[in-house]
Amino acid sequence: MFAQFFGAFLLNKQLVTPEALARAIDEKKNTRMRLGVLAINAGLMTAEQVEHVNVAQQTVDKRFGDLCVEFGYLTQDNVDTLLSESPSDYLLLGQTLVNDNSLTNAQFEDAIKEYKELYQLTDDDISGYQNDKLLGLVKEFYHFNTAENARIYTDYITLLFKNIIRFIGDDFTPQQSTVVKSAEADYVVQQSIVGKYKADVCICAGKSEYVSIAERFSSDVFENSPEFIDAAVGEFLNVINGLFVVNESNESGTELTLEPQVISVNKEIPLESEGFCIPVTFSFGEVVFIVSVH
C-alpha cells in the first residue's frame, strides 16, 4: 500500500506523468534494485554521490559497491546490509522510474524524503506494514481529519485497499477523493451496513472494468456470463464489508449487519447522505468506490 500511495504522491507533485507511472507499475515486478537507490533511500548517500560513482564506473572496471567503499561513501558493512535486505514495493517503483528516465536520482532523493516526512514514515514502518502507519497514511491522503465519522472512514478505506491488493492486484494508484450525493456508472453494486450507524458502500465501474474486477477476484475468465460477473463483483464487496463488520465488533464492540446488495445498470443512485468518492486507477481502467457513513 505504501507503493501505491507513493505513486499517487509522485503524480500529485507532477514529478511523473500518468503514462510513466502506469508503465512503472507494470514493469516493477521485473526490476532489479540497484545499490544507489537503496543507499539514497537509507540516507547513506546523496544523489550527487550516486551520480559520481555512476560516472566513475564508466572509466574503471569495478562494481558500484566497491567504488562506494573506495570513495568513502559507504562501508563494506553498509553495502552488505543494503544488498541483503528485500526491497520494498515503493523502492521497486522508484527504481523502475529511475531506470525509465522518468525520475532522476536527485528527484527520487527529494521525493522519498518529502514522502516520508509528510506521512511520518520510516523504513521500518514501511517494511513492517505497520497498521497504525497505514491508517495515518489514508487519513492524511484523504484529509479525513476534520470529517465527521473520520475514524470509520479511515478504517474502512484502509481495509478496502488492503483487500484490493489481496484479491484484485497491486497495479493501481489511488486518486484524490471528492464528495458526492449519488453514484452513477455503467454498473453500480451497492450494499448497506447497518447497526449503531449506517454505511452505504458502492463499487462503480464501466463494463470492461466491471468484468476485470470480476475476473481478477474469481481468477476465472467470463464470456457472456453476466450473472457470474455480477456474483463475483458482489462477492468481492461482500468480503470487504464482512471483514469490516467483524473488525468493528472485535475492536470497538460495535455490532453491525449487512443488507442485501443491489446491482444497477446505467442508473444514477441517490445516496441517503453525502459520501466520499474514491477513484482508483488500475492498469485495466478506473474503478470508483463510494462510502457514505451517517
C-alpha atoms as a PDB file:
ATOM      1  CA  MET A   1       0.000   0.000   0.000  1.00  0.00           C
ATOM      2  CA  PHE A   2       2.910   2.366   0.621  1.00  0.00           C
ATOM      3  CA  ALA A   3       3.993   1.917  -3.009  1.00  0.00           C
ATOM      4  CA  GLN A   4       0.543   2.799  -4.338  1.00  0.00           C
ATOM      5  CA  PHE A   5       0.391   5.981  -2.268  1.00  0.00           C
ATOM      6  CA  PHE A   6       3.984   6.847  -3.194  1.00  0.00           C
ATOM      7  CA  GLY A   7       2.908   6.640  -6.835  1.00  0.00           C
ATOM      8  CA  ALA A   8      -0.037   8.938  -6.083  1.00  0.00           C
ATOM      9  CA  PHE A   9       2.342  11.325  -4.302  1.00  0.00           C
ATOM     10  CA  LEU A  10       4.633  11.488  -7.350  1.00  0.00           C
ATOM     11  CA  LEU A  11       1.636  12.022  -9.611  1.00  0.00           C
ATOM     12  CA  ASN A  12       0.147  14.787  -7.457  1.00  0.00           C
ATOM     13  CA  LYS A  13       3.538  16.526  -7.351  1.00  0.00           C
ATOM     14  CA  GLN A  14       3.660  16.264 -11.161  1.00  0.00           C
ATOM     15  CA  LEU A  15       7.035  14.531 -10.939  1.00  0.00           C
ATOM     16  CA  VAL A  16       5.848  11.782 -13.273  1.00  0.00           C
ATOM     17  CA  THR A  17       3.164  11.505 -15.921  1.00  0.00           C
ATOM     18  CA  PRO A  18       0.229   9.104 -15.567  1.00  0.00           C
ATOM     19  CA  GLU A  19       1.622   7.151 -18.523  1.00  0.00           C
ATOM     20  CA  ALA A  20       5.091   6.802 -16.978  1.00  0.00           C
ATOM     21  CA  LEU A  21       3.612   5.744 -13.645  1.00  0.00           C
ATOM     22  CA  ALA A  22       1.375   3.153 -15.313  1.00  0.00           C
ATOM     23  CA  ARG A  23       4.396   1.689 -17.161  1.00  0.00           C
ATOM     24  CA  ALA A  24       6.430   1.574 -13.959  1.00  0.00           C
ATOM     25  CA  ILE A  25       3.661  -0.140 -12.007  1.00  0.00           C
ATOM     26  CA  ASP A  26       3.505  -2.791 -14.706  1.00  0.00           C
ATOM     27  CA  GLU A  27       7.292  -3.177 -15.004  1.00  0.00           C
ATOM     28  CA  LYS A  28       8.361  -3.049 -11.348  1.00  0.00           C
ATOM     29  CA  LYS A  29       7.877  -6.796 -10.951  1.00  0.00           C
ATOM     30  CA  ASN A  30      10.798  -7.253 -13.357  1.00  0.00           C
ATOM     31  CA  THR A  31      13.011  -4.571 -11.813  1.00  0.00           C
ATOM     32  CA  ARG A  32      16.292  -5.352 -10.120  1.00  0.00           C
ATOM     33  CA  MET A  33      17.184  -2.961  -7.313  1.00  0.00           C
ATOM     34  CA  ARG A  34      20.415  -1.009  -7.605  1.00  0.00           C
ATOM     35  CA  LEU A  35      22.621  -0.185  -4.682  1.00  0.00           C
ATOM     36  CA  GLY A  36      22.476   3.545  -5.403  1.00  0.00           C
ATOM     37  CA  VAL A  37      18.718   3.848  -4.899  1.00  0.00           C
ATOM     38  CA  LEU A  38      18.918   1.667  -1.787  1.00  0.00           C
ATOM     39  CA  ALA A  39      21.639   3.921  -0.364  1.00  0.00           C
ATOM     40  CA  ILE A  40      19.689   7.101  -1.161  1.00  0.00           C
ATOM     41  CA  ASN A  41      16.573   5.686   0.491  1.00  0.00           C
ATOM     42  CA  ALA A  42      18.570   4.716   3.588  1.00  0.00           C
ATOM     43  CA  GLY A  43      20.051   8.214   3.798  1.00  0.00           C
ATOM     44  CA  LEU A  44      23.580   6.830   3.422  1.00  0.00           C
ATOM     45  CA  MET A  45      24.353   8.527   0.109  1.00  0.00           C
ATOM     46  CA  THR A  46      23.174  11.600  -1.754  1.00  0.00           C
ATOM     47  CA  ALA A  47      22.031  11.586  -5.361  1.00  0.00           C
ATOM     48  CA  GLU A  48      25.153  13.568  -6.250  1.00  0.00           C
ATOM     49  CA  GLN A  49      27.389  10.874  -4.742  1.00  0.00           C
ATOM     50  CA  VAL A  50      25.495   8.149  -6.603  1.00  0.00           C
ATOM     51  CA  GLU A  51      25.973  10.021  -9.876  1.00  0.00           C
ATOM     52  CA  HIS A  52      29.690  10.407  -9.103  1.00  0.00           C
ATOM     53  CA  VAL A  53      30.030   6.642  -8.715  1.00  0.00           C
ATOM     54  CA  ASN A  54      27.974   6.028 -11.878  1.00  0.00           C
ATOM     55  CA  VAL A  55      30.341   8.267 -13.864  1.00  0.00           C
ATOM     56  CA  ALA A  56      33.406   6.614 -12.306  1.00  0.00           C
ATOM     57  CA  GLN A  57      32.110   3.186 -13.359  1.00  0.00           C
ATOM     58  CA  GLN A  58      32.394   4.290 -16.979  1.00  0.00           C
ATOM     59  CA  THR A  59      36.191   4.528 -16.659  1.00  0.00           C
ATOM     60  CA  VAL A  60      37.077   1.655 -14.317  1.00  0.00           C
ATOM     61  CA  ASP A  61      36.019  -1.985 -14.224  1.00  0.00           C
ATOM     62  CA  LYS A  62      34.769  -2.057 -10.643  1.00  0.00           C
ATOM     63  CA  ARG A  63      31.442  -2.820  -9.016  1.00  0.00           C
ATOM     64  CA  PHE A  64      29.294   0.034  -7.759  1.00  0.00           C
ATOM     65  CA  GLY A  65      29.608  -1.087  -4.134  1.00  0.00           C
ATOM     66  CA  ASP A  66      33.390  -1.398  -4.312  1.00  0.00           C
ATOM     67  CA  LEU A  67      33.682   2.152  -5.638  1.00  0.00           C
ATOM     68  CA  CYS A  68      31.367   3.452  -2.917  1.00  0.00           C
ATOM     69  CA  VAL A  69      33.650   1.947  -0.285  1.00  0.00           C
ATOM     70  CA  GLU A  70      36.745   3.219  -2.089  1.00  0.00           C
ATOM     71  CA  PHE A  71      35.350   6.775  -2.193  1.00  0.00           C
ATOM     72  CA  GLY A  72      34.333   6.608   1.455  1.00  0.00           C
ATOM     73  CA  TYR A  73      30.617   6.944   0.760  1.00  0.00           C
ATOM     74  CA  LEU A  74      29.755   3.562   2.285  1.00  0.00           C
ATOM     75  CA  THR A  75      31.413   0.993   4.496  1.00  0.00           C
ATOM     76  CA  GLN A  76      31.548  -2.636   3.448  1.00  0.00           C
ATOM     77  CA  ASP A  77      29.027  -3.373   6.198  1.00  0.00           C
ATOM     78  CA  ASN A  78      26.707  -0.770   4.680  1.00  0.00           C
ATOM     79  CA  VAL A  79      26.993  -2.442   1.286  1.00  0.00           C
ATOM     80  CA  ASP A  80      26.394  -5.931   2.682  1.00  0.00           C
ATOM     81  CA  THR A  81      23.386  -4.802   4.717  1.00  0.00           C
ATOM     82  CA  LEU A  82      21.738  -2.930   1.863  1.00  0.00           C
ATOM     83  CA  LEU A  83      22.185  -5.811  -0.562  1.00  0.00           C
ATOM     84  CA  SER A  84      20.873  -8.383   1.922  1.00  0.00           C
ATOM     85  CA  GLU A  85      17.535  -6.665   2.523  1.00  0.00           C
ATOM     86  CA  SER A  86      14.483  -7.389   0.395  1.00  0.00           C
ATOM     87  CA  PRO A  87      13.447  -4.138  -1.304  1.00  0.00           C
ATOM     88  CA  SER A  88      10.013  -2.723  -0.531  1.00  0.00           C
ATOM     89  CA  ASP A  89       7.487  -2.243  -3.321  1.00  0.00           C
ATOM     90  CA  TYR A  90       7.811   1.539  -3.215  1.00  0.00           C
ATOM     91  CA  LEU A  91      11.559   1.228  -3.790  1.00  0.00           C
ATOM     92  CA  LEU A  92      10.986  -1.064  -6.769  1.00  0.00           C
ATOM     93  CA  LEU A  93       8.579   1.529  -8.142  1.00  0.00           C
ATOM     94  CA  GLY A  94      11.140   4.293  -7.647  1.00  0.00           C
ATOM     95  CA  GLN A  95      13.920   2.224  -9.212  1.00  0.00           C
ATOM     96  CA  THR A  96      11.734   1.448 -12.228  1.00  0.00           C
ATOM     97  CA  LEU A  97      11.012   5.159 -12.737  1.00  0.00           C
ATOM     98  CA  VAL A  98      14.740   5.947 -12.473  1.00  0.00           C
ATOM     99  CA  ASN A  99      15.571   3.183 -14.959  1.00  0.00           C
ATOM    100  CA  ASP A 100      12.967   4.606 -17.332  1.00  0.00           C
ATOM    101  CA  ASN A 101      14.470   8.099 -17.004  1.00  0.00           C
ATOM    102  CA  SER A 102      11.105   9.292 -15.688  1.00  0.00           C
ATOM    103  CA  LEU A 103      12.856  10.301 -12.445  1.00  0.00           C
ATOM    104  CA  THR A 104      16.446  11.315 -11.792  1.00  0.00           C
ATOM    105  CA  ASN A 105      18.271  10.108  -8.706  1.00  0.00           C
ATOM    106  CA  ALA A 106      18.074  13.658  -7.346  1.00  0.00           C
ATOM    107  CA  GLN A 107      14.308  13.798  -7.878  1.00  0.00           C
ATOM    108  CA  PHE A 108      13.927  10.414  -6.213  1.00  0.00           C
ATOM    109  CA  GLU A 109      16.034  11.583  -3.261  1.00  0.00           C
ATOM    110  CA  ASP A 110      13.890  14.692  -2.736  1.00  0.00           C
ATOM    111  CA  ALA A 111      10.612  12.853  -3.308  1.00  0.00           C
ATOM    112  CA  ILE A 112      11.238   9.958  -0.950  1.00  0.00           C
ATOM    113  CA  LYS A 113      12.421  12.336   1.772  1.00  0.00           C
ATOM    114  CA  GLU A 114       9.316  14.520   1.423  1.00  0.00           C
ATOM    115  CA  TYR A 115       7.018  11.479   1.232  1.00  0.00           C
ATOM    116  CA  LYS A 116       8.394  10.027   4.457  1.00  0.00           C
ATOM    117  CA  GLU A 117       8.292  13.367   6.251  1.00  0.00           C
ATOM    118  CA  LEU A 118       4.734  14.102   5.110  1.00  0.00           C
ATOM    119  CA  TYR A 119       3.379  10.788   6.390  1.00  0.00           C
ATOM    120  CA  GLN A 120       5.923  10.419   9.244  1.00  0.00           C
ATOM    121  CA  LEU A 121       7.219   7.123   7.888  1.00  0.00           C
ATOM    122  CA  THR A 122      10.427   5.215   8.478  1.00  0.00           C
ATOM    123  CA  ASP A 123      11.777   2.252   6.511  1.00  0.00           C
ATOM    124  CA  ASP A 124      10.839   0.009   9.447  1.00  0.00           C
ATOM    125  CA  ASP A 125       7.256   1.277   9.243  1.00  0.00           C
ATOM    126  CA  ILE A 126       7.076   0.556   5.526  1.00  0.00           C
ATOM    127  CA  SER A 127       8.787  -2.827   5.535  1.00  0.00           C
ATOM    128  CA  GLY A 128       6.846  -3.897   8.626  1.00  0.00           C
ATOM    129  CA  TYR A 129       3.469  -2.936   7.130  1.00  0.00           C
ATOM    130  CA  GLN A 130       2.544  -1.126  10.363  1.00  0.00           C
ATOM    131  CA  ASN A 131      -1.250  -0.804  10.579  1.00  0.00           C
ATOM    132  CA  ASP A 132      -1.196   2.470  12.521  1.00  0.00           C
ATOM    133  CA  LYS A 133       1.011   3.997   9.826  1.00  0.00           C
ATOM    134  CA  LEU A 134      -1.305   2.748   7.088  1.00  0.00           C
ATOM    135  CA  LEU A 135      -4.252   4.330   8.898  1.00  0.00           C
ATOM    136  CA  GLY A 136      -2.334   7.597   9.232  1.00  0.00           C
ATOM    137  CA  LEU A 137      -1.405   7.486   5.547  1.00  0.00           C
ATOM    138  CA  VAL A 138      -5.037   7.053   4.476  1.00  0.00           C
ATOM    139  CA  LYS A 139      -6.315   9.714   6.881  1.00  0.00           C
ATOM    140  CA  GLU A 140      -3.735  12.253   5.680  1.00  0.00           C
ATOM    141  CA  PHE A 141      -4.121  11.470   1.966  1.00  0.00           C
ATOM    142  CA  TYR A 142      -7.911  11.806   2.015  1.00  0.00           C
ATOM    143  CA  HIS A 143      -7.994  14.635   4.588  1.00  0.00           C
ATOM    144  CA  PHE A 144     -10.312  12.705   6.884  1.00  0.00           C
ATOM    145  CA  ASN A 145      -9.020  14.577   9.966  1.00  0.00           C
ATOM    146  CA  THR A 146     -11.907  17.028  10.015  1.00  0.00           C
ATOM    147  CA  ALA A 147     -14.564  14.736   8.550  1.00  0.00           C
ATOM    148  CA  GLU A 148     -17.476  13.559  10.620  1.00  0.00           C
ATOM    149  CA  ASN A 149     -17.034   9.821  11.319  1.00  0.00           C
ATOM    150  CA  ALA A 150     -13.332  10.198  10.392  1.00  0.00           C
ATOM    151  CA  ARG A 151     -12.335   7.038  12.276  1.00  0.00           C
ATOM    152  CA  ILE A 152     -14.894   4.910  10.423  1.00  0.00           C
ATOM    153  CA  TYR A 153     -13.925   6.284   7.011  1.00  0.00           C
ATOM    154  CA  THR A 154     -10.233   5.759   7.745  1.00  0.00           C
ATOM    155  CA  ASP A 155     -10.692   2.195   8.962  1.00  0.00           C
ATOM    156  CA  TYR A 156     -12.940   1.250   6.051  1.00  0.00           C
ATOM    157  CA  ILE A 157     -10.783   2.741   3.279  1.00  0.00           C
ATOM    158  CA  THR A 158      -7.617   1.208   4.767  1.00  0.00           C
ATOM    159  CA  LEU A 159      -9.302  -2.204   4.818  1.00  0.00           C
ATOM    160  CA  LEU A 160     -10.550  -1.611   1.270  1.00  0.00           C
ATOM    161  CA  PHE A 161      -7.060  -1.020  -0.107  1.00  0.00           C
ATOM    162  CA  LYS A 162      -5.608  -3.992   1.746  1.00  0.00           C
ATOM    163  CA  ASN A 163      -8.195  -6.226   0.115  1.00  0.00           C
ATOM    164  CA  ILE A 164      -7.797  -4.685  -3.309  1.00  0.00           C
ATOM    165  CA  ILE A 165      -4.126  -5.703  -3.093  1.00  0.00           C
ATOM    166  CA  ARG A 166      -5.073  -9.118  -1.727  1.00  0.00           C
ATOM    167  CA  PHE A 167      -7.838 -10.027  -4.180  1.00  0.00           C
ATOM    168  CA  ILE A 168      -7.515  -7.779  -7.254  1.00  0.00           C
ATOM    169  CA  GLY A 169      -3.837  -6.808  -7.520  1.00  0.00           C
ATOM    170  CA  ASP A 170      -1.328  -4.126  -6.596  1.00  0.00           C
ATOM    171  CA  ASP A 171      -1.237  -2.479 -10.031  1.00  0.00           C
ATOM    172  CA  PHE A 172      -3.237   0.594  -9.076  1.00  0.00           C
ATOM    173  CA  THR A 173      -2.917   4.217  -7.999  1.00  0.00           C
ATOM    174  CA  PRO A 174      -5.371   5.869  -5.585  1.00  0.00           C
ATOM    175  CA  GLN A 175      -6.684   9.252  -6.689  1.00  0.00           C
ATOM    176  CA  GLN A 176      -7.865  12.182  -4.594  1.00  0.00           C
ATOM    177  CA  SER A 177     -11.420  11.941  -3.269  1.00  0.00           C
ATOM    178  CA  THR A 178     -14.441  14.131  -3.880  1.00  0.00           C
ATOM    179  CA  VAL A 179     -17.742  14.437  -2.022  1.00  0.00           C
ATOM    180  CA  VAL A 180     -20.781  13.140  -3.930  1.00  0.00           C
ATOM    181  CA  LYS A 181     -24.520  12.790  -3.369  1.00  0.00           C
ATOM    182  CA  SER A 182     -25.119   9.974  -5.819  1.00  0.00           C
ATOM    183  CA  ALA A 183     -23.462   7.044  -7.580  1.00  0.00           C
ATOM    184  CA  GLU A 184     -23.561   6.717 -11.333  1.00  0.00           C
ATOM    185  CA  ALA A 185     -21.803   4.334 -13.745  1.00  0.00           C
ATOM    186  CA  ASP A 186     -22.488   1.585 -16.253  1.00  0.00           C
ATOM    187  CA  TYR A 187     -22.566  -0.778 -13.275  1.00  0.00           C
ATOM    188  CA  VAL A 188     -23.124   0.092  -9.613  1.00  0.00           C
ATOM    189  CA  VAL A 189     -23.034  -2.526  -6.870  1.00  0.00           C
ATOM    190  CA  GLN A 190     -24.415  -1.107  -3.630  1.00  0.00           C
ATOM    191  CA  GLN A 191     -24.588  -2.552  -0.129  1.00  0.00           C
ATOM    192  CA  SER A 192     -25.553  -1.016   3.201  1.00  0.00           C
ATOM    193  CA  ILE A 193     -24.004  -1.779   6.579  1.00  0.00           C
ATOM    194  CA  VAL A 194     -26.462  -1.096   9.391  1.00  0.00           C
ATOM    195  CA  GLY A 195     -26.468  -1.001  13.180  1.00  0.00           C
ATOM    196  CA  LYS A 196     -25.230   1.734  15.516  1.00  0.00           C
ATOM    197  CA  TYR A 197     -24.618   3.748  12.348  1.00  0.00           C
ATOM    198  CA  LYS A 198     -25.271   3.170   8.655  1.00  0.00           C
ATOM    199  CA  ALA A 199     -22.693   2.985   5.890  1.00  0.00           C
ATOM    200  CA  ASP A 200     -23.628   2.828   2.226  1.00  0.00           C
ATOM    201  CA  VAL A 201     -20.873   1.410   0.014  1.00  0.00           C
ATOM    202  CA  CYS A 202     -20.790   1.299  -3.790  1.00  0.00           C
ATOM    203  CA  ILE A 203     -18.493  -0.093  -6.467  1.00  0.00           C
ATOM    204  CA  CYS A 204     -18.941   1.886  -9.692  1.00  0.00           C
ATOM    205  CA  ALA A 205     -17.371   0.797 -12.973  1.00  0.00           C
ATOM    206  CA  GLY A 206     -17.632   0.790 -16.727  1.00  0.00           C
ATOM    207  CA  LYS A 207     -18.402  -2.508 -18.430  1.00  0.00           C
ATOM    208  CA  SER A 208     -14.821  -3.598 -19.163  1.00  0.00           C
ATOM    209  CA  GLU A 209     -13.569  -2.560 -15.702  1.00  0.00           C
ATOM    210  CA  TYR A 210     -16.512  -4.357 -14.097  1.00  0.00           C
ATOM    211  CA  VAL A 211     -15.600  -7.558 -15.923  1.00  0.00           C
ATOM    212  CA  SER A 212     -11.902  -7.144 -14.994  1.00  0.00           C
ATOM    213  CA  ILE A 213     -12.741  -6.838 -11.284  1.00  0.00           C
ATOM    214  CA  ALA A 214     -14.880  -9.993 -11.525  1.00  0.00           C
ATOM    215  CA  GLU A 215     -12.243 -11.990 -13.387  1.00  0.00           C
ATOM    216  CA  ARG A 216      -9.424 -10.981 -11.089  1.00  0.00           C
ATOM    217  CA  PHE A 217     -11.410 -11.699  -7.932  1.00  0.00           C
ATOM    218  CA  SER A 218     -12.567 -15.101  -9.135  1.00  0.00           C
ATOM    219  CA  SER A 219      -9.363 -15.993 -11.027  1.00  0.00           C
ATOM    220  CA  ASP A 220     -11.582 -17.006 -13.913  1.00  0.00           C
ATOM    221  CA  VAL A 221     -12.483 -15.712 -17.361  1.00  0.00           C
ATOM    222  CA  PHE A 222     -16.112 -14.866 -18.044  1.00  0.00           C
ATOM    223  CA  GLU A 223     -17.529 -14.862 -21.567  1.00  0.00           C
ATOM    224  CA  ASN A 224     -21.132 -13.690 -21.923  1.00  0.00           C
ATOM    225  CA  SER A 225     -21.927 -14.718 -18.346  1.00  0.00           C
ATOM    226  CA  PRO A 226     -23.407 -11.580 -16.738  1.00  0.00           C
ATOM    227  CA  GLU A 227     -24.832 -13.488 -13.770  1.00  0.00           C
ATOM    228  CA  PHE A 228     -21.379 -14.825 -12.841  1.00  0.00           C
ATOM    229  CA  ILE A 229     -19.804 -11.392 -13.308  1.00  0.00           C
ATOM    230  CA  ASP A 230     -22.412  -9.808 -11.011  1.00  0.00           C
ATOM    231  CA  ALA A 231     -21.899 -12.569  -8.461  1.00  0.00           C
ATOM    232  CA  ALA A 232     -18.109 -12.151  -8.448  1.00  0.00           C
ATOM    233  CA  VAL A 233     -18.118  -8.367  -8.036  1.00  0.00           C
ATOM    234  CA  GLY A 234     -20.862  -8.665  -5.442  1.00  0.00           C
ATOM    235  CA  GLU A 235     -18.874 -11.238  -3.501  1.00  0.00           C
ATOM    236  CA  PHE A 236     -15.787  -9.020  -3.583  1.00  0.00           C
ATOM    237  CA  LEU A 237     -17.787  -6.198  -1.974  1.00  0.00           C
ATOM    238  CA  ASN A 238     -19.389  -8.661   0.434  1.00  0.00           C
ATOM    239  CA  VAL A 239     -15.967  -9.899   1.581  1.00  0.00           C
ATOM    240  CA  ILE A 240     -14.736  -6.364   2.293  1.00  0.00           C
ATOM    241  CA  ASN A 241     -17.901  -5.383   4.136  1.00  0.00           C
ATOM    242  CA  GLY A 242     -17.981  -8.655   6.048  1.00  0.00           C
ATOM    243  CA  LEU A 243     -14.411  -8.171   7.250  1.00  0.00           C
ATOM    244  CA  PHE A 244     -15.235  -4.594   8.248  1.00  0.00           C
ATOM    245  CA  VAL A 245     -18.230  -5.779  10.308  1.00  0.00           C
ATOM    246  CA  VAL A 246     -16.063  -8.364  12.083  1.00  0.00           C
ATOM    247  CA  ASN A 247     -13.361  -5.763  12.806  1.00  0.00           C
ATOM    248  CA  GLU A 248     -15.895  -3.297  14.207  1.00  0.00           C
ATOM    249  CA  SER A 249     -17.255  -5.971  16.540  1.00  0.00           C
ATOM    250  CA  ASN A 250     -13.815  -7.134  17.694  1.00  0.00           C
ATOM    251  CA  GLU A 251     -12.130  -3.748  18.035  1.00  0.00           C
ATOM    252  CA  SER A 252     -14.877  -1.374  19.167  1.00  0.00           C
ATOM    253  CA  GLY A 253     -17.729  -3.644  20.233  1.00  0.00           C
ATOM    254  CA  THR A 254     -19.983  -2.183  17.538  1.00  0.00           C
ATOM    255  CA  GLU A 255     -22.401  -4.760  16.177  1.00  0.00           C
ATOM    256  CA  LEU A 256     -23.350  -4.288  12.536  1.00  0.00           C
ATOM    257  CA  THR A 257     -25.086  -6.351   9.863  1.00  0.00           C
ATOM    258  CA  LEU A 258     -25.075  -6.394   6.071  1.00  0.00           C
ATOM    259  CA  GLU A 259     -28.160  -5.699   3.999  1.00  0.00           C
ATOM    260  CA  PRO A 260     -28.740  -7.416   0.631  1.00  0.00           C
ATOM    261  CA  GLN A 261     -26.882  -5.934  -2.318  1.00  0.00           C
ATOM    262  CA  VAL A 262     -28.460  -4.012  -5.168  1.00  0.00           C
ATOM    263  CA  ILE A 263     -26.897  -4.050  -8.648  1.00  0.00           C
ATOM    264  CA  SER A 264     -27.909  -1.243 -11.004  1.00  0.00           C
ATOM    265  CA  VAL A 265     -27.100  -0.822 -14.690  1.00  0.00           C
ATOM    266  CA  ASN A 266     -26.889   2.614 -16.300  1.00  0.00           C
ATOM    267  CA  LYS A 267     -28.661   4.349 -13.443  1.00  0.00           C
ATOM    268  CA  GLU A 268     -27.907   7.214 -11.080  1.00  0.00           C
ATOM    269  CA  ILE A 269     -28.310   6.027  -7.492  1.00  0.00           C
ATOM    270  CA  PRO A 270     -29.011   8.778  -4.923  1.00  0.00           C
ATOM    271  CA  LEU A 271     -27.267   8.440  -1.550  1.00  0.00           C
ATOM    272  CA  GLU A 272     -29.043   8.997   1.756  1.00  0.00           C
ATOM    273  CA  SER A 273     -26.150  11.179   2.843  1.00  0.00           C
ATOM    274  CA  GLU A 274     -23.106  12.702   1.129  1.00  0.00           C
ATOM    275  CA  GLY A 275     -20.257  10.274   0.695  1.00  0.00           C
ATOM    276  CA  PHE A 276     -16.605  10.167  -0.271  1.00  0.00           C
ATOM    277  CA  CYS A 277     -15.919   9.180  -3.875  1.00  0.00           C
ATOM    278  CA  ILE A 278     -12.597   7.272  -4.062  1.00  0.00           C
ATOM    279  CA  PRO A 279     -11.374   6.773  -7.669  1.00  0.00           C
ATOM    280  CA  VAL A 280      -8.746   4.062  -8.149  1.00  0.00           C
ATOM    281  CA  THR A 281      -6.816   3.789 -11.416  1.00  0.00           C
ATOM    282  CA  PHE A 282      -5.889   0.204 -12.294  1.00  0.00           C
ATOM    283  CA  SER A 283      -3.895  -0.982 -15.289  1.00  0.00           C
ATOM    284  CA  PHE A 284      -7.213  -2.022 -16.845  1.00  0.00           C
ATOM    285  CA  GLY A 285      -9.027   1.262 -16.147  1.00  0.00           C
ATOM    286  CA  GLU A 286     -10.660   3.262 -13.374  1.00  0.00           C
ATOM    287  CA  VAL A 287     -13.000   1.910 -10.696  1.00  0.00           C
ATOM    288  CA  VAL A 288     -14.748   4.220  -8.229  1.00  0.00           C
ATOM    289  CA  PHE A 289     -15.573   3.287  -4.645  1.00  0.00           C
ATOM    290  CA  ILE A 290     -18.107   5.395  -2.747  1.00  0.00           C
ATOM    291  CA  VAL A 291     -18.519   5.297   1.028  1.00  0.00           C
ATOM    292  CA  SER A 292     -21.167   7.249   2.910  1.00  0.00           C
ATOM    293  CA  VAL A 293     -21.386   6.979   6.720  1.00  0.00           C
ATOM    294  CA  HIS A 294     -24.308   8.521   8.587  1.00  0.00           C
END
